[in-house]
N, C-alpha and C. Protein backbone atom coordinates (compact mmCIF):
# COMPACT_ATOMS: atom_id res chain seq x y z
N MET A 1 5.68 13.82 8.70
CA MET A 1 5.12 12.56 8.27
C MET A 1 5.34 12.38 6.78
N ASN A 2 5.64 11.18 6.37
CA ASN A 2 5.83 10.83 4.97
C ASN A 2 4.51 11.00 4.23
N TYR A 3 4.58 11.58 3.04
CA TYR A 3 3.40 11.85 2.23
C TYR A 3 2.61 10.58 1.95
N LEU A 4 3.28 9.51 1.51
CA LEU A 4 2.58 8.27 1.20
C LEU A 4 2.05 7.57 2.45
N SER A 5 2.76 7.65 3.55
CA SER A 5 2.26 7.03 4.77
C SER A 5 1.05 7.79 5.29
N GLU A 6 0.99 9.09 5.04
CA GLU A 6 -0.18 9.88 5.42
C GLU A 6 -1.39 9.43 4.59
N HIS A 7 -1.20 9.24 3.31
CA HIS A 7 -2.27 8.73 2.45
C HIS A 7 -2.73 7.36 2.93
N ARG A 8 -1.77 6.52 3.23
CA ARG A 8 -2.08 5.16 3.69
C ARG A 8 -2.89 5.19 4.99
N GLU A 9 -2.49 6.04 5.91
CA GLU A 9 -3.19 6.16 7.19
C GLU A 9 -4.63 6.64 6.99
N ILE A 10 -4.83 7.62 6.13
CA ILE A 10 -6.17 8.15 5.87
C ILE A 10 -7.05 7.08 5.21
N LEU A 11 -6.49 6.37 4.24
CA LEU A 11 -7.27 5.32 3.57
C LEU A 11 -7.60 4.18 4.52
N GLU A 12 -6.67 3.82 5.39
CA GLU A 12 -6.95 2.77 6.38
C GLU A 12 -8.03 3.22 7.36
N MET A 13 -8.00 4.50 7.75
CA MET A 13 -9.05 5.02 8.62
C MET A 13 -10.40 4.95 7.94
N SER A 14 -10.43 5.23 6.65
CA SER A 14 -11.68 5.18 5.90
C SER A 14 -12.21 3.74 5.81
N VAL A 15 -11.33 2.79 5.57
CA VAL A 15 -11.74 1.39 5.47
C VAL A 15 -12.32 0.91 6.80
N SER A 16 -11.70 1.31 7.90
CA SER A 16 -12.14 0.85 9.22
C SER A 16 -13.27 1.71 9.80
N GLY A 17 -13.70 2.75 9.07
CA GLY A 17 -14.80 3.60 9.52
C GLY A 17 -14.39 4.60 10.59
N GLU A 18 -13.11 4.88 10.72
CA GLU A 18 -12.61 5.80 11.74
C GLU A 18 -12.40 7.22 11.23
N LEU A 19 -12.63 7.45 9.94
CA LEU A 19 -12.44 8.78 9.37
C LEU A 19 -13.60 9.68 9.80
N PRO A 20 -13.31 10.89 10.28
CA PRO A 20 -14.39 11.79 10.71
C PRO A 20 -15.31 12.16 9.55
N ASP A 21 -16.57 12.49 9.86
CA ASP A 21 -17.53 12.88 8.83
C ASP A 21 -17.24 14.26 8.26
N ARG A 22 -16.49 15.05 9.01
CA ARG A 22 -16.13 16.41 8.57
C ARG A 22 -14.63 16.60 8.76
N ILE A 23 -13.97 16.96 7.68
CA ILE A 23 -12.53 17.20 7.73
C ILE A 23 -12.26 18.61 7.23
N ASP A 24 -11.62 19.40 8.07
CA ASP A 24 -11.22 20.75 7.67
C ASP A 24 -9.79 20.99 8.14
N GLU A 25 -9.35 22.21 8.03
CA GLU A 25 -7.96 22.52 8.37
C GLU A 25 -7.66 22.42 9.86
N ASP A 26 -8.71 22.36 10.70
CA ASP A 26 -8.53 22.21 12.14
C ASP A 26 -8.60 20.75 12.59
N SER A 27 -8.87 19.84 11.67
CA SER A 27 -9.01 18.41 12.00
C SER A 27 -7.65 17.78 12.26
N ASP A 28 -7.69 16.64 12.94
CA ASP A 28 -6.46 15.86 13.14
C ASP A 28 -5.98 15.25 11.82
N VAL A 29 -6.91 15.02 10.93
CA VAL A 29 -6.60 14.46 9.60
C VAL A 29 -6.28 15.62 8.66
N SER A 30 -5.24 15.47 7.87
CA SER A 30 -4.80 16.52 6.97
C SER A 30 -5.83 16.77 5.85
N ALA A 31 -6.37 17.99 5.82
CA ALA A 31 -7.33 18.35 4.78
C ALA A 31 -6.65 18.40 3.40
N GLU A 32 -5.38 18.75 3.37
CA GLU A 32 -4.65 18.79 2.09
C GLU A 32 -4.50 17.39 1.51
N ALA A 33 -4.19 16.43 2.38
CA ALA A 33 -4.05 15.05 1.91
C ALA A 33 -5.39 14.50 1.45
N VAL A 34 -6.45 14.83 2.17
CA VAL A 34 -7.79 14.39 1.75
C VAL A 34 -8.14 15.02 0.40
N ARG A 35 -7.81 16.30 0.23
CA ARG A 35 -8.06 16.96 -1.06
C ARG A 35 -7.35 16.21 -2.19
N ASP A 36 -6.09 15.84 -1.97
CA ASP A 36 -5.34 15.11 -2.99
C ASP A 36 -5.99 13.76 -3.29
N LEU A 37 -6.42 13.06 -2.24
CA LEU A 37 -7.04 11.74 -2.42
C LEU A 37 -8.38 11.86 -3.14
N VAL A 38 -9.15 12.90 -2.85
CA VAL A 38 -10.43 13.12 -3.54
C VAL A 38 -10.16 13.47 -5.00
N LYS A 39 -9.20 14.36 -5.22
CA LYS A 39 -8.87 14.80 -6.59
C LYS A 39 -8.43 13.63 -7.46
N ASP A 40 -7.68 12.69 -6.88
CA ASP A 40 -7.18 11.55 -7.64
C ASP A 40 -8.18 10.39 -7.72
N GLY A 41 -9.33 10.53 -7.04
CA GLY A 41 -10.38 9.51 -7.13
C GLY A 41 -10.25 8.38 -6.13
N TYR A 42 -9.39 8.53 -5.12
CA TYR A 42 -9.21 7.49 -4.11
C TYR A 42 -10.24 7.61 -2.97
N LEU A 43 -10.77 8.82 -2.77
CA LEU A 43 -11.84 9.07 -1.81
C LEU A 43 -12.95 9.83 -2.52
N GLU A 44 -14.18 9.63 -2.06
CA GLU A 44 -15.30 10.45 -2.47
C GLU A 44 -15.70 11.28 -1.25
N ALA A 45 -15.96 12.56 -1.46
CA ALA A 45 -16.39 13.43 -0.37
C ALA A 45 -17.08 14.64 -0.95
N ALA A 46 -18.00 15.20 -0.18
CA ALA A 46 -18.64 16.45 -0.59
C ALA A 46 -17.66 17.59 -0.33
N ASP A 47 -17.42 18.36 -1.35
CA ASP A 47 -16.48 19.48 -1.25
C ASP A 47 -17.21 20.67 -0.66
N ALA A 48 -16.84 21.06 0.55
CA ALA A 48 -17.46 22.20 1.23
C ALA A 48 -16.43 23.31 1.43
N CYS A 49 -15.45 23.38 0.54
CA CYS A 49 -14.40 24.39 0.64
C CYS A 49 -14.98 25.78 0.40
N SER A 50 -14.41 26.74 1.08
CA SER A 50 -14.85 28.12 0.93
C SER A 50 -13.63 29.03 1.06
N LYS A 51 -13.88 30.32 1.17
CA LYS A 51 -12.79 31.27 1.36
C LYS A 51 -12.06 31.04 2.68
N ASP A 52 -12.77 30.41 3.62
CA ASP A 52 -12.17 30.14 4.94
C ASP A 52 -11.17 29.00 4.89
N GLY A 53 -11.23 28.16 3.87
CA GLY A 53 -10.27 27.07 3.76
C GLY A 53 -10.90 25.78 3.26
N LEU A 54 -10.13 24.71 3.38
CA LEU A 54 -10.56 23.40 2.91
C LEU A 54 -11.53 22.76 3.88
N GLU A 55 -12.54 22.08 3.32
CA GLU A 55 -13.47 21.31 4.14
C GLU A 55 -14.11 20.25 3.27
N PHE A 56 -14.14 19.01 3.79
CA PHE A 56 -14.73 17.89 3.08
C PHE A 56 -15.69 17.17 4.03
N LEU A 57 -16.85 16.78 3.48
CA LEU A 57 -17.88 16.13 4.28
C LEU A 57 -18.07 14.69 3.82
N ASP A 58 -18.26 13.81 4.77
CA ASP A 58 -18.59 12.40 4.56
C ASP A 58 -17.63 11.71 3.58
N PRO A 59 -16.33 11.71 3.85
CA PRO A 59 -15.39 11.05 2.94
C PRO A 59 -15.50 9.53 3.03
N LYS A 60 -15.49 8.88 1.87
CA LYS A 60 -15.57 7.42 1.77
C LYS A 60 -14.53 6.94 0.76
N ILE A 61 -13.97 5.78 1.01
CA ILE A 61 -12.97 5.22 0.10
C ILE A 61 -13.66 4.64 -1.14
N THR A 62 -13.00 4.74 -2.28
CA THR A 62 -13.51 4.17 -3.53
C THR A 62 -12.79 2.86 -3.83
N ILE A 63 -13.24 2.17 -4.86
CA ILE A 63 -12.57 0.93 -5.28
C ILE A 63 -11.12 1.25 -5.68
N LEU A 64 -10.94 2.34 -6.41
CA LEU A 64 -9.59 2.76 -6.80
C LEU A 64 -8.75 3.06 -5.56
N GLY A 65 -9.38 3.63 -4.53
CA GLY A 65 -8.68 3.90 -3.28
C GLY A 65 -8.26 2.63 -2.58
N ARG A 66 -9.09 1.59 -2.62
CA ARG A 66 -8.73 0.30 -2.02
C ARG A 66 -7.53 -0.33 -2.75
N GLU A 67 -7.53 -0.20 -4.08
CA GLU A 67 -6.39 -0.71 -4.85
C GLU A 67 -5.12 0.06 -4.51
N TYR A 68 -5.23 1.37 -4.38
CA TYR A 68 -4.08 2.21 -4.01
C TYR A 68 -3.59 1.85 -2.62
N LEU A 69 -4.52 1.60 -1.68
CA LEU A 69 -4.15 1.20 -0.33
C LEU A 69 -3.41 -0.13 -0.36
N ASN A 70 -3.88 -1.09 -1.15
CA ASN A 70 -3.18 -2.37 -1.28
C ASN A 70 -1.77 -2.17 -1.80
N ASP A 71 -1.61 -1.28 -2.77
CA ASP A 71 -0.29 -0.98 -3.33
C ASP A 71 0.61 -0.35 -2.27
N LEU A 72 0.08 0.59 -1.50
CA LEU A 72 0.87 1.23 -0.45
C LEU A 72 1.26 0.22 0.63
N ASN A 73 0.34 -0.68 0.99
CA ASN A 73 0.65 -1.71 1.98
C ASN A 73 1.72 -2.66 1.47
N GLN A 74 1.67 -3.00 0.18
CA GLN A 74 2.68 -3.88 -0.42
C GLN A 74 4.05 -3.20 -0.40
N ARG A 75 4.09 -1.92 -0.74
CA ARG A 75 5.35 -1.16 -0.70
C ARG A 75 5.92 -1.13 0.72
N ALA A 76 5.04 -0.91 1.70
CA ALA A 76 5.49 -0.85 3.09
C ALA A 76 6.03 -2.20 3.54
N TYR A 77 5.38 -3.29 3.13
CA TYR A 77 5.85 -4.62 3.49
C TYR A 77 7.22 -4.91 2.86
N GLU A 78 7.36 -4.58 1.58
CA GLU A 78 8.62 -4.83 0.89
C GLU A 78 9.77 -4.03 1.49
N ALA A 79 9.48 -2.87 2.04
CA ALA A 79 10.51 -2.03 2.65
C ALA A 79 10.83 -2.46 4.08
N SER A 80 9.96 -3.26 4.69
CA SER A 80 10.17 -3.68 6.07
C SER A 80 11.23 -4.77 6.15
N ALA A 81 11.71 -5.03 7.36
CA ALA A 81 12.73 -6.05 7.57
C ALA A 81 12.20 -7.43 7.20
N SER A 82 10.97 -7.74 7.56
CA SER A 82 10.41 -9.06 7.24
C SER A 82 10.23 -9.22 5.73
N GLY A 83 9.88 -8.14 5.03
CA GLY A 83 9.75 -8.21 3.58
C GLY A 83 11.09 -8.45 2.90
N LYS A 84 12.13 -7.78 3.39
CA LYS A 84 13.47 -7.98 2.83
C LYS A 84 13.97 -9.39 3.13
N LEU A 85 13.71 -9.89 4.33
CA LEU A 85 14.11 -11.24 4.71
C LEU A 85 13.38 -12.27 3.87
N SER A 86 12.11 -12.05 3.63
CA SER A 86 11.31 -12.96 2.81
C SER A 86 11.85 -13.00 1.38
N ARG A 87 12.15 -11.83 0.83
CA ARG A 87 12.69 -11.76 -0.53
C ARG A 87 14.05 -12.47 -0.60
N PHE A 88 14.90 -12.28 0.42
CA PHE A 88 16.19 -12.95 0.46
C PHE A 88 16.01 -14.46 0.57
N GLY A 89 15.05 -14.89 1.39
CA GLY A 89 14.79 -16.32 1.56
C GLY A 89 14.32 -16.96 0.28
N LEU A 90 13.48 -16.28 -0.48
CA LEU A 90 13.02 -16.82 -1.75
C LEU A 90 14.15 -16.92 -2.76
N ARG A 91 15.03 -15.93 -2.77
CA ARG A 91 16.18 -16.00 -3.68
C ARG A 91 17.12 -17.14 -3.30
N ALA A 92 17.34 -17.35 -2.02
CA ALA A 92 18.19 -18.44 -1.55
C ALA A 92 17.56 -19.78 -1.90
N LEU A 93 16.23 -19.87 -1.77
CA LEU A 93 15.53 -21.10 -2.13
C LEU A 93 15.65 -21.37 -3.63
N ASP A 94 15.47 -20.35 -4.45
CA ASP A 94 15.63 -20.50 -5.89
C ASP A 94 17.04 -20.97 -6.24
N TRP A 95 18.04 -20.38 -5.61
CA TRP A 95 19.42 -20.74 -5.86
C TRP A 95 19.66 -22.20 -5.47
N GLY A 96 19.19 -22.58 -4.29
CA GLY A 96 19.37 -23.95 -3.81
C GLY A 96 18.66 -24.96 -4.70
N LEU A 97 17.44 -24.66 -5.14
CA LEU A 97 16.72 -25.57 -6.03
C LEU A 97 17.40 -25.69 -7.39
N GLY A 98 18.01 -24.61 -7.83
CA GLY A 98 18.76 -24.67 -9.10
C GLY A 98 19.95 -25.60 -8.99
N ILE A 99 20.64 -25.55 -7.87
CA ILE A 99 21.79 -26.45 -7.66
C ILE A 99 21.31 -27.89 -7.58
N VAL A 100 20.24 -28.15 -6.84
CA VAL A 100 19.71 -29.50 -6.71
C VAL A 100 19.27 -30.03 -8.06
N ALA A 101 18.60 -29.20 -8.85
CA ALA A 101 18.16 -29.63 -10.19
C ALA A 101 19.37 -29.97 -11.06
N GLY A 102 20.41 -29.15 -10.98
CA GLY A 102 21.63 -29.44 -11.75
C GLY A 102 22.27 -30.76 -11.33
N LEU A 103 22.31 -31.03 -10.03
CA LEU A 103 22.87 -32.28 -9.54
C LEU A 103 22.04 -33.49 -9.99
N ILE A 104 20.72 -33.34 -9.96
CA ILE A 104 19.85 -34.44 -10.40
C ILE A 104 20.04 -34.72 -11.89
N ILE A 105 20.15 -33.67 -12.68
CA ILE A 105 20.35 -33.83 -14.11
C ILE A 105 21.72 -34.49 -14.36
N ALA A 106 22.74 -34.07 -13.66
CA ALA A 106 24.07 -34.66 -13.82
C ALA A 106 24.05 -36.15 -13.42
N TRP A 107 23.37 -36.47 -12.31
CA TRP A 107 23.30 -37.86 -11.85
C TRP A 107 22.49 -38.71 -12.84
N ALA A 108 21.37 -38.16 -13.35
CA ALA A 108 20.54 -38.92 -14.30
C ALA A 108 21.27 -39.13 -15.61
N SER A 109 22.04 -38.16 -16.07
CA SER A 109 22.71 -38.31 -17.36
C SER A 109 23.88 -39.31 -17.25
N ARG A 110 24.44 -39.46 -16.07
CA ARG A 110 25.51 -40.45 -15.87
C ARG A 110 24.96 -41.87 -15.99
N GLY A 111 23.73 -42.06 -15.55
CA GLY A 111 23.14 -43.39 -15.57
C GLY A 111 22.75 -43.84 -16.96
N PHE A 112 22.53 -42.92 -17.89
CA PHE A 112 22.08 -43.27 -19.24
C PHE A 112 23.23 -43.45 -20.20
N CYS A 113 24.42 -43.12 -19.84
CA CYS A 113 25.55 -43.23 -20.77
C CYS A 113 26.22 -44.56 -20.69
């Protein structure tokens, strides 16, 4: 699994309330990824790590985590086919409007001379 998509999935689970109350190395959710998200301030959780391994209790997303999730979602959209098509469509529209503006200016300047 892609590192950033794993972060995105965990943050989305937290937003929707689907993140388990206890995450350890035996969980379906990666404890290492949760550790990284807690360390960077994107999640808040009680650190219950011990010699036995990683464990986090009651993880919740922070405001910074919501902003990071929005950024990850934007990156995913821009990389998708619809995002690329949208970007191409906007560039084509800009190009077409530039040509139309040039033609209008040329037509208007002919009338004033």
